[in-house]
Amino acid sequence: MLGIVLDIGCGYLISRHINRMWLAILASVIGGIIIAFAANMLLGTPPADQASVDVFMKKVVSGVMLNPLIILAALMVFRRTNGAPTKQ
């Protein structure tokens, strides 16, 4: 759950501060990988045996694949809402 909150926050910050799309995509991929490692390795409990290590690494690998996608989705939503013209 913490990873998803961090992903949405990262997508918001990227949409606010980075204007070029290719740079925003690169930042979302790098941010997703960093969040996946931080949320699972630094904040999680270390595995005790080999079976726990396998489960732990599957969580990290799935986070590395899914976190950039969540950041990209948040990036697109926030970019659209931040760039919307105001009606007067």
PDB file of N, CA and C in Angstrom:
ATOM      1  N   MET A   1       0.821  -1.193   0.000  1.00  0.00           N
ATOM      2  CA  MET A   1       0.000   0.000   0.000  1.00  0.00           C
ATOM      3  C   MET A   1       0.868   1.261   0.000  1.00  0.00           C
ATOM      4  N   LEU A   2       1.951   1.209   0.737  1.00  0.00           N
ATOM      5  CA  LEU A   2       2.848   2.361   0.784  1.00  0.00           C
ATOM      6  C   LEU A   2       3.451   2.638  -0.586  1.00  0.00           C
ATOM      7  N   GLY A   3       3.761   1.572  -1.326  1.00  0.00           N
ATOM      8  CA  GLY A   3       4.331   1.735  -2.660  1.00  0.00           C
ATOM      9  C   GLY A   3       3.388   2.452  -3.608  1.00  0.00           C
ATOM     10  N   ILE A   4       2.097   2.156  -3.514  1.00  0.00           N
ATOM     11  CA  ILE A   4       1.122   2.800  -4.397  1.00  0.00           C
ATOM     12  C   ILE A   4       0.999   4.283  -4.066  1.00  0.00           C
ATOM     13  N   VAL A   5       0.990   4.607  -2.788  1.00  0.00           N
ATOM     14  CA  VAL A   5       0.923   6.020  -2.383  1.00  0.00           C
ATOM     15  C   VAL A   5       2.168   6.768  -2.860  1.00  0.00           C
ATOM     16  N   LEU A   6       3.327   6.142  -2.715  1.00  0.00           N
ATOM     17  CA  LEU A   6       4.562   6.766  -3.194  1.00  0.00           C
ATOM     18  C   LEU A   6       4.562   6.903  -4.716  1.00  0.00           C
ATOM     19  N   ASP A   7       3.995   5.921  -5.425  1.00  0.00           N
ATOM     20  CA  ASP A   7       3.914   5.997  -6.884  1.00  0.00           C
ATOM     21  C   ASP A   7       3.049   7.165  -7.337  1.00  0.00           C
ATOM     22  N   ILE A   8       1.906   7.330  -6.707  1.00  0.00           N
ATOM     23  CA  ILE A   8       1.009   8.430  -7.080  1.00  0.00           C
ATOM     24  C   ILE A   8       1.659   9.776  -6.769  1.00  0.00           C
ATOM     25  N   GLY A   9       2.318   9.873  -5.635  1.00  0.00           N
ATOM     26  CA  GLY A   9       3.031  11.109  -5.301  1.00  0.00           C
ATOM     27  C   GLY A   9       4.156  11.405  -6.272  1.00  0.00           C
ATOM     28  N   CYS A  10       4.864  10.370  -6.677  1.00  0.00           N
ATOM     29  CA  CYS A  10       5.951  10.542  -7.644  1.00  0.00           C
ATOM     30  C   CYS A  10       5.395  10.989  -8.997  1.00  0.00           C
ATOM     31  N   GLY A  11       4.277  10.394  -9.420  1.00  0.00           N
ATOM     32  CA  GLY A  11       3.645  10.812 -10.674  1.00  0.00           C
ATOM     33  C   GLY A  11       3.196  12.261 -10.634  1.00  0.00           C
ATOM     34  N   TYR A  12       2.679  12.691  -9.484  1.00  0.00           N
ATOM     35  CA  TYR A  12       2.266  14.084  -9.334  1.00  0.00           C
ATOM     36  C   TYR A  12       3.463  15.026  -9.428  1.00  0.00           C
ATOM     37  N   LEU A  13       4.536  14.691  -8.723  1.00  0.00           N
ATOM     38  CA  LEU A  13       5.722  15.555  -8.754  1.00  0.00           C
ATOM     39  C   LEU A  13       6.347  15.607 -10.141  1.00  0.00           C
ATOM     40  N   ILE A  14       6.371  14.486 -10.833  1.00  0.00           N
ATOM     41  CA  ILE A  14       6.919  14.471 -12.190  1.00  0.00           C
ATOM     42  C   ILE A  14       6.062  15.323 -13.115  1.00  0.00           C
ATOM     43  N   SER A  15       4.735  15.225 -12.985  1.00  0.00           N
ATOM     44  CA  SER A  15       3.868  16.008 -13.871  1.00  0.00           C
ATOM     45  C   SER A  15       3.978  17.504 -13.600  1.00  0.00           C
ATOM     46  N   ARG A  16       4.270  17.883 -12.369  1.00  0.00           N
ATOM     47  CA  ARG A  16       4.388  19.302 -12.034  1.00  0.00           C
ATOM     48  C   ARG A  16       5.707  19.921 -12.472  1.00  0.00           C
ATOM     49  N   HIS A  17       6.794  19.142 -12.452  1.00  0.00           N
ATOM     50  CA  HIS A  17       8.114  19.741 -12.608  1.00  0.00           C
ATOM     51  C   HIS A  17       8.856  19.361 -13.879  1.00  0.00           C
ATOM     52  N   ILE A  18       8.386  18.379 -14.630  1.00  0.00           N
ATOM     53  CA  ILE A  18       9.090  17.963 -15.841  1.00  0.00           C
ATOM     54  C   ILE A  18       8.164  18.179 -17.031  1.00  0.00           C
ATOM     55  N   ASN A  19       8.617  18.971 -17.999  1.00  0.00           N
ATOM     56  CA  ASN A  19       7.777  19.319 -19.140  1.00  0.00           C
ATOM     57  C   ASN A  19       7.961  18.394 -20.332  1.00  0.00           C
ATOM     58  N   ARG A  20       9.143  17.892 -20.557  1.00  0.00           N
ATOM     59  CA  ARG A  20       9.387  17.025 -21.712  1.00  0.00           C
ATOM     60  C   ARG A  20       8.904  15.615 -21.409  1.00  0.00           C
ATOM     61  N   MET A  21       8.148  15.043 -22.362  1.00  0.00           N
ATOM     62  CA  MET A  21       7.517  13.750 -22.123  1.00  0.00           C
ATOM     63  C   MET A  21       8.535  12.622 -22.015  1.00  0.00           C
ATOM     64  N   TRP A  22       9.563  12.617 -22.849  1.00  0.00           N
ATOM     65  CA  TRP A  22      10.534  11.521 -22.794  1.00  0.00           C
ATOM     66  C   TRP A  22      11.279  11.526 -21.466  1.00  0.00           C
ATOM     67  N   LEU A  23      11.530  12.716 -20.935  1.00  0.00           N
ATOM     68  CA  LEU A  23      12.198  12.823 -19.646  1.00  0.00           C
ATOM     69  C   LEU A  23      11.264  12.399 -18.510  1.00  0.00           C
ATOM     70  N   ALA A  24       9.977  12.688 -18.668  1.00  0.00           N
ATOM     71  CA  ALA A  24       8.998  12.267 -17.666  1.00  0.00           C
ATOM     72  C   ALA A  24       8.860  10.747 -17.640  1.00  0.00           C
ATOM     73  N   ILE A  25       8.893  10.115 -18.810  1.00  0.00           N
ATOM     74  CA  ILE A  25       8.818   8.649 -18.865  1.00  0.00           C
ATOM     75  C   ILE A  25      10.060   8.039 -18.232  1.00  0.00           C
ATOM     76  N   LEU A  26      11.215   8.585 -18.536  1.00  0.00           N
ATOM     77  CA  LEU A  26      12.458   8.090 -17.942  1.00  0.00           C
ATOM     78  C   LEU A  26      12.443   8.263 -16.420  1.00  0.00           C
ATOM     79  N   ALA A  27      11.969   9.401 -15.956  1.00  0.00           N
ATOM     80  CA  ALA A  27      11.897   9.643 -14.510  1.00  0.00           C
ATOM     81  C   ALA A  27      10.906   8.702 -13.837  1.00  0.00           C
ATOM     82  N   SER A  28       9.805   8.375 -14.520  1.00  0.00           N
ATOM     83  CA  SER A  28       8.837   7.459 -13.919  1.00  0.00           C
ATOM     84  C   SER A  28       9.385   6.045 -13.829  1.00  0.00           C
ATOM     85  N   VAL A  29      10.143   5.615 -14.823  1.00  0.00           N
ATOM     86  CA  VAL A  29      10.745   4.281 -14.762  1.00  0.00           C
ATOM     87  C   VAL A  29      11.779   4.217 -13.640  1.00  0.00           C
ATOM     88  N   ILE A  30      12.632   5.211 -13.555  1.00  0.00           N
ATOM     89  CA  ILE A  30      13.648   5.232 -12.499  1.00  0.00           C
ATOM     90  C   ILE A  30      12.995   5.352 -11.121  1.00  0.00           C
ATOM     91  N   GLY A  31      11.996   6.207 -11.009  1.00  0.00           N
ATOM     92  CA  GLY A  31      11.290   6.347  -9.733  1.00  0.00           C
ATOM     93  C   GLY A  31      10.576   5.076  -9.318  1.00  0.00           C
ATOM     94  N   GLY A  32       9.983   4.363 -10.280  1.00  0.00           N
ATOM     95  CA  GLY A  32       9.306   3.107  -9.964  1.00  0.00           C
ATOM     96  C   GLY A  32      10.255   2.042  -9.469  1.00  0.00           C
ATOM     97  N   ILE A  33      11.423   1.966 -10.081  1.00  0.00           N
ATOM     98  CA  ILE A  33      12.418   0.981  -9.642  1.00  0.00           C
ATOM     99  C   ILE A  33      12.922   1.318  -8.241  1.00  0.00           C
ATOM    100  N   ILE A  34      13.179   2.585  -7.993  1.00  0.00           N
ATOM    101  CA  ILE A  34      13.659   2.993  -6.665  1.00  0.00           C
ATOM    102  C   ILE A  34      12.596   2.738  -5.604  1.00  0.00           C
ATOM    103  N   ILE A  35      11.344   3.046  -5.909  1.00  0.00           N
ATOM    104  CA  ILE A  35      10.269   2.817  -4.944  1.00  0.00           C
ATOM    105  C   ILE A  35      10.075   1.329  -4.695  1.00  0.00           C
ATOM    106  N   ALA A  36      10.197   0.510  -5.734  1.00  0.00           N
ATOM    107  CA  ALA A  36      10.042  -0.941  -5.551  1.00  0.00           C
ATOM    108  C   ALA A  36      11.102  -1.485  -4.608  1.00  0.00           C
ATOM    109  N   PHE A  37      12.335  -1.060  -4.786  1.00  0.00           N
ATOM    110  CA  PHE A  37      13.394  -1.528  -3.895  1.00  0.00           C
ATOM    111  C   PHE A  37      13.231  -0.953  -2.495  1.00  0.00           C
ATOM    112  N   ALA A  38      12.879   0.318  -2.395  1.00  0.00           N
ATOM    113  CA  ALA A  38      12.760   0.946  -1.078  1.00  0.00           C
ATOM    114  C   ALA A  38      11.592   0.371  -0.288  1.00  0.00           C
ATOM    115  N   ALA A  39      10.452   0.187  -0.939  1.00  0.00           N
ATOM    116  CA  ALA A  39       9.274  -0.302  -0.224  1.00  0.00           C
ATOM    117  C   ALA A  39       9.433  -1.750   0.208  1.00  0.00           C
ATOM    118  N   ASN A  40      10.141  -2.550  -0.566  1.00  0.00           N
ATOM    119  CA  ASN A  40      10.266  -3.968  -0.232  1.00  0.00           C
ATOM    120  C   ASN A  40      11.527  -4.294   0.551  1.00  0.00           C
ATOM    121  N   MET A  41      12.640  -3.679   0.216  1.00  0.00           N
ATOM    122  CA  MET A  41      13.893  -4.054   0.871  1.00  0.00           C
ATOM    123  C   MET A  41      14.170  -3.241   2.130  1.00  0.00           C
ATOM    124  N   LEU A  42      13.947  -1.954   2.075  1.00  0.00           N
ATOM    125  CA  LEU A  42      14.295  -1.128   3.226  1.00  0.00           C
ATOM    126  C   LEU A  42      13.219  -1.134   4.304  1.00  0.00           C
ATOM    127  N   LEU A  43      11.949  -1.180   3.886  1.00  0.00           N
ATOM    128  CA  LEU A  43      10.865  -1.113   4.858  1.00  0.00           C
ATOM    129  C   LEU A  43      10.321  -2.480   5.240  1.00  0.00           C
ATOM    130  N   GLY A  44      10.585  -3.509   4.433  1.00  0.00           N
ATOM    131  CA  GLY A  44      10.093  -4.847   4.727  1.00  0.00           C
ATOM    132  C   GLY A  44      10.997  -5.579   5.696  1.00  0.00           C
ATOM    133  N   THR A  45      10.529  -6.735   6.132  1.00  0.00           N
ATOM    134  CA  THR A  45      11.346  -7.555   7.020  1.00  0.00           C
ATOM    135  C   THR A  45      12.268  -8.429   6.188  1.00  0.00           C
ATOM    136  N   PRO A  46      13.489  -8.623   6.619  1.00  0.00           N
ATOM    137  CA  PRO A  46      14.415  -9.459   5.843  1.00  0.00           C
ATOM    138  C   PRO A  46      13.994 -10.930   5.898  1.00  0.00           C
ATOM    139  N   PRO A  47      14.154 -11.652   4.796  1.00  0.00           N
ATOM    140  CA  PRO A  47      13.755 -13.065   4.773  1.00  0.00           C
ATOM    141  C   PRO A  47      14.690 -13.921   5.624  1.00  0.00           C
ATOM    142  N   ALA A  48      14.119 -14.977   6.219  1.00  0.00           N
ATOM    143  CA  ALA A  48      14.892 -15.829   7.117  1.00  0.00           C
ATOM    144  C   ALA A  48      15.437 -17.074   6.432  1.00  0.00           C
ATOM    145  N   ASP A  49      14.686 -17.664   5.495  1.00  0.00           N
ATOM    146  CA  ASP A  49      15.147 -18.883   4.837  1.00  0.00           C
ATOM    147  C   ASP A  49      15.032 -18.728   3.324  1.00  0.00           C
ATOM    148  N   GLN A  50      15.412 -19.770   2.595  1.00  0.00           N
ATOM    149  CA  GLN A  50      15.455 -19.695   1.133  1.00  0.00           C
ATOM    150  C   GLN A  50      14.063 -19.520   0.523  1.00  0.00           C
ATOM    151  N   ALA A  51      13.051 -20.154   1.082  1.00  0.00           N
ATOM    152  CA  ALA A  51      11.692 -20.003   0.549  1.00  0.00           C
ATOM    153  C   ALA A  51      11.213 -18.566   0.719  1.00  0.00           C
ATOM    154  N   SER A  52      11.571 -17.959   1.824  1.00  0.00           N
ATOM    155  CA  SER A  52      11.193 -16.561   2.045  1.00  0.00           C
ATOM    156  C   SER A  52      11.927 -15.633   1.087  1.00  0.00           C
ATOM    157  N   VAL A  53      13.158 -15.987   0.753  1.00  0.00           N
ATOM    158  CA  VAL A  53      13.927 -15.172  -0.187  1.00  0.00           C
ATOM    159  C   VAL A  53      13.269 -15.189  -1.559  1.00  0.00           C
ATOM    160  N   ASP A  54      12.787 -16.349  -1.996  1.00  0.00           N
ATOM    161  CA  ASP A  54      12.122 -16.438  -3.296  1.00  0.00           C
ATOM    162  C   ASP A  54      10.852 -15.596  -3.336  1.00  0.00           C
ATOM    163  N   VAL A  55      10.054 -15.671  -2.296  1.00  0.00           N
ATOM    164  CA  VAL A  55       8.827 -14.872  -2.231  1.00  0.00           C
ATOM    165  C   VAL A  55       9.170 -13.386  -2.187  1.00  0.00           C
ATOM    166  N   PHE A  56      10.182 -13.048  -1.429  1.00  0.00           N
ATOM    167  CA  PHE A  56      10.615 -11.660  -1.294  1.00  0.00           C
ATOM    168  C   PHE A  56      11.077 -11.098  -2.635  1.00  0.00           C
ATOM    169  N   MET A  57      11.871 -11.861  -3.376  1.00  0.00           N
ATOM    170  CA  MET A  57      12.363 -11.396  -4.674  1.00  0.00           C
ATOM    171  C   MET A  57      11.243 -11.305  -5.701  1.00  0.00           C
ATOM    172  N   LYS A  58      10.240 -12.177  -5.615  1.00  0.00           N
ATOM    173  CA  LYS A  58       9.086 -12.066  -6.510  1.00  0.00           C
ATOM    174  C   LYS A  58       8.331 -10.770  -6.247  1.00  0.00           C
ATOM    175  N   LYS A  59       8.232 -10.368  -4.977  1.00  0.00           N
ATOM    176  CA  LYS A  59       7.591  -9.095  -4.655  1.00  0.00           C
ATOM    177  C   LYS A  59       8.377  -7.924  -5.225  1.00  0.00           C
ATOM    178  N   VAL A  60       9.691  -7.985  -5.127  1.00  0.00           N
ATOM    179  CA  VAL A  60      10.530  -6.904  -5.645  1.00  0.00           C
ATOM    180  C   VAL A  60      10.423  -6.828  -7.164  1.00  0.00           C
ATOM    181  N   VAL A  61      10.493  -7.974  -7.834  1.00  0.00           N
ATOM    182  CA  VAL A  61      10.429  -7.985  -9.301  1.00  0.00           C
ATOM    183  C   VAL A  61       9.069  -7.517  -9.789  1.00  0.00           C
ATOM    184  N   SER A  62       7.993  -7.949  -9.143  1.00  0.00           N
ATOM    185  CA  SER A  62       6.672  -7.475  -9.562  1.00  0.00           C
ATOM    186  C   SER A  62       6.529  -5.976  -9.305  1.00  0.00           C
ATOM    187  N   GLY A  63       7.133  -5.480  -8.227  1.00  0.00           N
ATOM    188  CA  GLY A  63       7.113  -4.040  -7.968  1.00  0.00           C
ATOM    189  C   GLY A  63       7.892  -3.256  -8.998  1.00  0.00           C
ATOM    190  N   VAL A  64       9.022  -3.812  -9.449  1.00  0.00           N
ATOM    191  CA  VAL A  64       9.826  -3.138 -10.476  1.00  0.00           C
ATOM    192  C   VAL A  64       9.046  -3.042 -11.782  1.00  0.00           C
ATOM    193  N   MET A  65       8.210  -4.023 -12.064  1.00  0.00           N
ATOM    194  CA  MET A  65       7.430  -3.988 -13.304  1.00  0.00           C
ATOM    195  C   MET A  65       6.168  -3.145 -13.170  1.00  0.00           C
ATOM    196  N   LEU A  66       5.513  -3.172 -12.014  1.00  0.00           N
ATOM    197  CA  LEU A  66       4.223  -2.499 -11.871  1.00  0.00           C
ATOM    198  C   LEU A  66       4.326  -1.046 -11.411  1.00  0.00           C
ATOM    199  N   ASN A  67       5.303  -0.711 -10.597  1.00  0.00           N
ATOM    200  CA  ASN A  67       5.395   0.657 -10.083  1.00  0.00           C
ATOM    201  C   ASN A  67       5.566   1.706 -11.177  1.00  0.00           C
ATOM    202  N   PRO A  68       6.415   1.497 -12.200  1.00  0.00           N
ATOM    203  CA  PRO A  68       6.480   2.506 -13.268  1.00  0.00           C
ATOM    204  C   PRO A  68       5.160   2.674 -14.021  1.00  0.00           C
ATOM    205  N   LEU A  69       4.380   1.601 -14.145  1.00  0.00           N
ATOM    206  CA  LEU A  69       3.085   1.722 -14.817  1.00  0.00           C
ATOM    207  C   LEU A  69       2.116   2.565 -14.000  1.00  0.00           C
ATOM    208  N   ILE A  70       2.133   2.401 -12.691  1.00  0.00           N
ATOM    209  CA  ILE A  70       1.274   3.216 -11.831  1.00  0.00           C
ATOM    210  C   ILE A  70       1.713   4.676 -11.879  1.00  0.00           C
ATOM    211  N   ILE A  71       3.011   4.908 -11.880  1.00  0.00           N
ATOM    212  CA  ILE A  71       3.517   6.280 -11.970  1.00  0.00           C
ATOM    213  C   ILE A  71       3.127   6.905 -13.303  1.00  0.00           C
ATOM    214  N   LEU A  72       3.234   6.151 -14.395  1.00  0.00           N
ATOM    215  CA  LEU A  72       2.844   6.685 -15.705  1.00  0.00           C
ATOM    216  C   LEU A  72       1.358   7.015 -15.753  1.00  0.00           C
ATOM    217  N   ALA A  73       0.523   6.167 -15.163  1.00  0.00           N
ATOM    218  CA  ALA A  73      -0.914   6.453 -15.130  1.00  0.00           C
ATOM    219  C   ALA A  73      -1.191   7.720 -14.326  1.00  0.00           C
ATOM    220  N   ALA A  74      -0.555   7.858 -13.172  1.00  0.00           N
ATOM    221  CA  ALA A  74      -0.731   9.072 -12.370  1.00  0.00           C
ATOM    222  C   ALA A  74      -0.187  10.291 -13.102  1.00  0.00           C
ATOM    223  N   LEU A  75       0.917  10.109 -13.813  1.00  0.00           N
ATOM    224  CA  LEU A  75       1.502  11.196 -14.592  1.00  0.00           C
ATOM    225  C   LEU A  75       0.529  11.694 -15.649  1.00  0.00           C
ATOM    226  N   MET A  76      -0.104  10.777 -16.366  1.00  0.00           N
ATOM    227  CA  MET A  76      -1.051  11.174 -17.411  1.00  0.00           C
ATOM    228  C   MET A  76      -2.275  11.870 -16.818  1.00  0.00           C
ATOM    229  N   VAL A  77      -2.773  11.366 -15.700  1.00  0.00           N
ATOM    230  CA  VAL A  77      -3.945  11.986 -15.073  1.00  0.00           C
ATOM    231  C   VAL A  77      -3.611  13.384 -14.575  1.00  0.00           C
ATOM    232  N   PHE A  78      -2.507  13.529 -13.863  1.00  0.00           N
ATOM    233  CA  PHE A  78      -2.155  14.838 -13.320  1.00  0.00           C
ATOM    234  C   PHE A  78      -1.723  15.808 -14.409  1.00  0.00           C
ATOM    235  N   ARG A  79      -1.108  15.320 -15.459  1.00  0.00           N
ATOM    236  CA  ARG A  79      -0.711  16.204 -16.555  1.00  0.00           C
ATOM    237  C   ARG A  79      -1.951  16.754 -17.257  1.00  0.00           C
ATOM    238  N   ARG A  80      -2.964  15.903 -17.408  1.00  0.00           N
ATOM    239  CA  ARG A  80      -4.201  16.349 -18.049  1.00  0.00           C
ATOM    240  C   ARG A  80      -4.945  17.347 -17.171  1.00  0.00           C
ATOM    241  N   THR A  81      -5.002  17.090 -15.854  1.00  0.00           N
ATOM    242  CA  THR A  81      -5.731  18.011 -14.977  1.00  0.00           C
ATOM    243  C   THR A  81      -4.959  19.309 -14.754  1.00  0.00           C
ATOM    244  N   ASN A  82      -3.639  19.253 -14.718  1.00  0.00           N
ATOM    245  CA  ASN A  82      -2.851  20.475 -14.527  1.00  0.00           C
ATOM    246  C   ASN A  82      -2.814  21.326 -15.783  1.00  0.00           C
ATOM    247  N   GLY A  83      -2.908  20.696 -16.946  1.00  0.00           N
ATOM    248  CA  GLY A  83      -2.830  21.430 -18.193  1.00  0.00           C
ATOM    249  C   GLY A  83      -4.175  21.864 -18.740  1.00  0.00           C
ATOM    250  N   ALA A  84      -5.248  21.567 -18.034  1.00  0.00           N
ATOM    251  CA  ALA A  84      -6.583  21.920 -18.514  1.00  0.00           C
ATOM    252  C   ALA A  84      -6.786  23.430 -18.435  1.00  0.00           C
ATOM    253  N   PRO A  85      -7.331  24.022 -19.491  1.00  0.00           N
ATOM    254  CA  PRO A  85      -7.573  25.470 -19.455  1.00  0.00           C
ATOM    255  C   PRO A  85      -8.717  25.803 -18.503  1.00  0.00           C
ATOM    256  N   THR A  86      -8.607  26.939 -17.863  1.00  0.00           N
ATOM    257  CA  THR A  86      -9.662  27.366 -16.947  1.00  0.00           C
ATOM    258  C   THR A  86     -10.768  28.051 -17.728  1.00  0.00           C
ATOM    259  N   LYS A  87     -12.005  27.762 -17.366  1.00  0.00           N
ATOM    260  CA  LYS A  87     -13.162  28.384 -18.023  1.00  0.00           C
ATOM    261  C   LYS A  87     -13.529  29.656 -17.276  1.00  0.00           C
ATOM    262  N   GLN A  88     -13.743  30.712 -18.052  1.00  0.00           N
ATOM    263  CA  GLN A  88     -14.109  31.987 -17.421  1.00  0.00           C
ATOM    264  C   GLN A  88     -15.398  32.495 -17.991  1.00  0.00           C
TER     265      GLN A  88
END
